[in-house]
């Protein structure tokens, strides 16, 4: 009898975990983020040494090597070149495109790391300690001077 109770408890635990995973995944799919507003809040958070400028969507897509037809919304702020600081907030059209977009971001981060290593080595640690958040169909990337403040801005914005 004790054996059956143990098996029932284990089955119940697995059932609860599966339900929680499904509910969590569905909640993430329904999330809506105003990418312009979030990027603007991050940019105005005083977490940057450099003056960041908003770039147009086509240039941002090109910089990261994204497939334009897979991107629904994108906002990017870039530094002057005197720092590695940047912001990217994007929404992919299909959640299945998230991994591809993240690979493109990782490639850009490696390229930036190599480029800054030779002429501004202090910027390399900023790149290595980047913020990369994923929420539903959204990806948020930030390379900055003050990660704690940016993390708070993101958490406050997402609720």
Protein backbone atom coordinates (compact mmCIF):
# COMPACT_ATOMS: atom_id res chain seq x y z
CA UNK A 1 0.00 0.00 0.00
CA UNK A 2 2.82 2.42 0.87
CA UNK A 3 4.39 1.66 -2.49
CA UNK A 4 1.25 2.79 -4.34
CA UNK A 5 0.99 6.01 -2.35
CA UNK A 6 4.61 6.85 -3.23
CA UNK A 7 3.96 6.22 -6.92
CA UNK A 8 0.80 8.35 -6.83
CA UNK A 9 2.69 11.20 -5.14
CA UNK A 10 5.44 11.06 -7.77
CA UNK A 11 2.91 11.05 -10.62
CA UNK A 12 1.08 13.99 -9.03
CA UNK A 13 4.33 15.97 -8.75
CA UNK A 14 5.17 15.34 -12.41
CA UNK A 15 1.65 16.35 -13.44
CA UNK A 16 1.93 19.61 -11.50
CA UNK A 17 5.33 20.38 -13.07
CA UNK A 18 3.99 19.76 -16.56
CA UNK A 19 0.96 22.00 -15.97
CA UNK A 20 3.18 24.77 -14.54
CA UNK A 21 5.50 24.56 -17.55
CA UNK A 22 2.59 24.80 -20.00
CA UNK A 23 1.03 27.73 -18.15
CA UNK A 24 4.36 29.56 -17.95
CA UNK A 25 5.04 29.03 -21.66
CA UNK A 26 1.57 30.33 -22.56
CA UNK A 27 2.01 33.40 -20.36
CA UNK A 28 5.31 34.23 -22.09
CA UNK A 29 3.70 33.84 -25.52
CA UNK A 30 1.01 36.39 -24.67
CA UNK A 31 3.36 39.06 -23.35
CA UNK A 32 3.31 42.43 -25.10
CA UNK A 33 6.24 44.83 -24.75
CA UNK A 34 6.43 48.32 -26.19
CA UNK A 35 9.95 47.98 -27.62
CA UNK A 36 10.38 51.73 -28.21
CA UNK A 37 9.39 52.62 -24.67
CA UNK A 38 11.59 49.96 -23.06
CA UNK A 39 14.62 50.92 -25.17
CA UNK A 40 14.05 54.60 -24.39
CA UNK A 41 13.84 53.92 -20.65
CA UNK A 42 17.06 51.90 -20.74
CA UNK A 43 18.81 54.61 -22.78
CA UNK A 44 17.74 57.34 -20.35
CA UNK A 45 18.71 55.35 -17.24
CA UNK A 46 22.12 57.04 -16.80
CA UNK A 47 23.81 53.65 -17.06
CA UNK A 48 26.04 54.62 -19.96
CA UNK A 49 29.34 56.47 -20.27
CA UNK A 50 28.87 57.11 -23.98
CA UNK A 51 26.18 59.14 -25.72
CA UNK A 52 23.92 56.58 -27.39
CA UNK A 53 22.05 57.31 -30.61
CA UNK A 54 18.99 55.51 -31.91
CA UNK A 55 19.65 53.92 -35.29
CA UNK A 56 17.12 53.01 -37.96
CA UNK A 57 15.64 49.55 -38.17
CA UNK A 58 17.37 48.52 -41.40
CA UNK A 59 20.81 49.38 -40.03
CA UNK A 60 20.09 47.50 -36.80
CA UNK A 61 18.98 44.41 -38.73
CA UNK A 62 22.15 44.62 -40.82
CA UNK A 63 24.47 45.15 -37.81
CA UNK A 64 23.22 41.98 -36.14
CA UNK A 65 22.79 39.96 -39.33
CA UNK A 66 19.11 39.24 -38.69
CA UNK A 67 16.73 38.00 -41.36
CA UNK A 68 14.49 41.03 -41.94
CA UNK A 69 11.42 38.88 -42.57
CA UNK A 70 11.81 37.27 -39.13
CA UNK A 71 11.80 40.55 -37.20
CA UNK A 72 8.51 42.16 -36.25
CA UNK A 73 9.89 45.11 -34.26
CA UNK A 74 13.41 46.31 -33.49
CA UNK A 75 14.92 49.26 -31.65
CA UNK A 76 18.65 49.76 -31.24
CA UNK A 77 20.82 52.42 -29.69
CA UNK A 78 24.53 52.44 -30.49
CA UNK A 79 27.46 54.27 -28.94
CA UNK A 80 29.84 56.56 -30.77
CA UNK A 81 32.47 53.87 -31.29
CA UNK A 82 34.47 55.12 -28.33
CA UNK A 83 32.70 52.51 -26.24
CA UNK A 84 31.06 49.12 -26.70
CA UNK A 85 27.79 50.31 -25.19
CA UNK A 86 24.58 49.47 -27.00
CA UNK A 87 20.93 48.56 -26.54
CA UNK A 88 18.79 46.19 -28.57
CA UNK A 89 15.14 45.41 -27.98
CA UNK A 90 13.48 43.24 -30.60
CA UNK A 91 10.42 41.15 -31.24
CA UNK A 92 10.65 38.19 -33.58
CA UNK A 93 7.58 37.23 -35.59
CA UNK A 94 7.65 33.62 -34.43
CA UNK A 95 8.90 32.32 -31.08
CA UNK A 96 10.72 29.61 -33.05
CA UNK A 97 13.01 32.36 -34.43
CA UNK A 98 14.30 33.26 -30.95
CA UNK A 99 17.26 30.86 -31.02
CA UNK A 100 18.36 32.06 -34.46
CA UNK A 101 18.21 35.69 -33.31
CA UNK A 102 20.17 34.86 -30.14
CA UNK A 103 22.86 33.14 -32.25
CA UNK A 104 23.19 36.29 -34.38
CA UNK A 105 23.49 38.38 -31.21
CA UNK A 106 26.17 36.05 -29.78
CA UNK A 107 28.11 36.31 -33.05
CA UNK A 108 27.99 40.12 -32.89
CA UNK A 109 29.11 40.06 -29.25
CA UNK A 110 32.14 37.90 -30.15
CA UNK A 111 33.03 40.20 -33.04
CA UNK A 112 32.73 43.29 -30.82
CA UNK A 113 34.84 41.64 -28.14
CA UNK A 114 37.62 40.90 -30.65
CA UNK A 115 37.46 44.41 -32.12
CA UNK A 116 37.65 46.20 -28.76
CA UNK A 117 40.32 43.90 -27.34
CA UNK A 118 43.02 45.55 -29.47
CA UNK A 119 42.22 49.23 -28.93
CA UNK A 120 39.95 49.63 -25.89
CA UNK A 121 40.49 46.57 -23.67
CA UNK A 122 38.44 47.99 -20.77
CA UNK A 123 35.36 47.71 -22.98
CA UNK A 124 35.79 43.94 -23.31
CA UNK A 125 34.52 43.34 -19.77
CA UNK A 126 31.37 45.34 -20.56
CA UNK A 127 30.73 43.10 -23.55
CA UNK A 128 31.44 39.93 -21.58
CA UNK A 129 29.05 41.01 -18.80
CA UNK A 130 26.22 41.99 -21.15
CA UNK A 131 22.56 41.65 -20.25
CA UNK A 132 20.61 39.29 -22.50
CA UNK A 133 16.97 38.73 -21.53
CA UNK A 134 14.38 36.66 -23.35
CA UNK A 135 10.65 37.04 -22.73
CA UNK A 136 8.17 35.39 -25.09
CA UNK A 137 8.98 36.64 -28.61
CA UNK A 138 11.22 39.41 -27.26
CA UNK A 139 14.96 39.72 -26.75
CA UNK A 140 16.63 42.51 -24.79
CA UNK A 141 20.39 43.11 -25.07
CA UNK A 142 22.30 45.76 -23.21
CA UNK A 143 26.00 46.50 -22.97
CA UNK A 144 26.47 49.25 -20.43
CA UNK A 145 28.44 50.65 -17.54
CA UNK A 146 25.84 50.08 -14.79
CA UNK A 147 24.20 46.65 -15.11
CA UNK A 148 22.33 46.85 -11.81
CA UNK A 149 20.39 49.94 -12.89
CA UNK A 150 19.54 48.49 -16.30
CA UNK A 151 18.41 45.21 -14.75
CA UNK A 152 16.13 47.18 -12.43
CA UNK A 153 14.71 49.20 -15.34
CA UNK A 154 13.97 46.00 -17.26
CA UNK A 155 12.43 44.21 -14.25
CA UNK A 156 10.29 47.25 -13.36
CA UNK A 157 9.13 47.59 -16.96
CA UNK A 158 8.24 43.92 -17.37
CA UNK A 159 6.51 43.84 -14.01
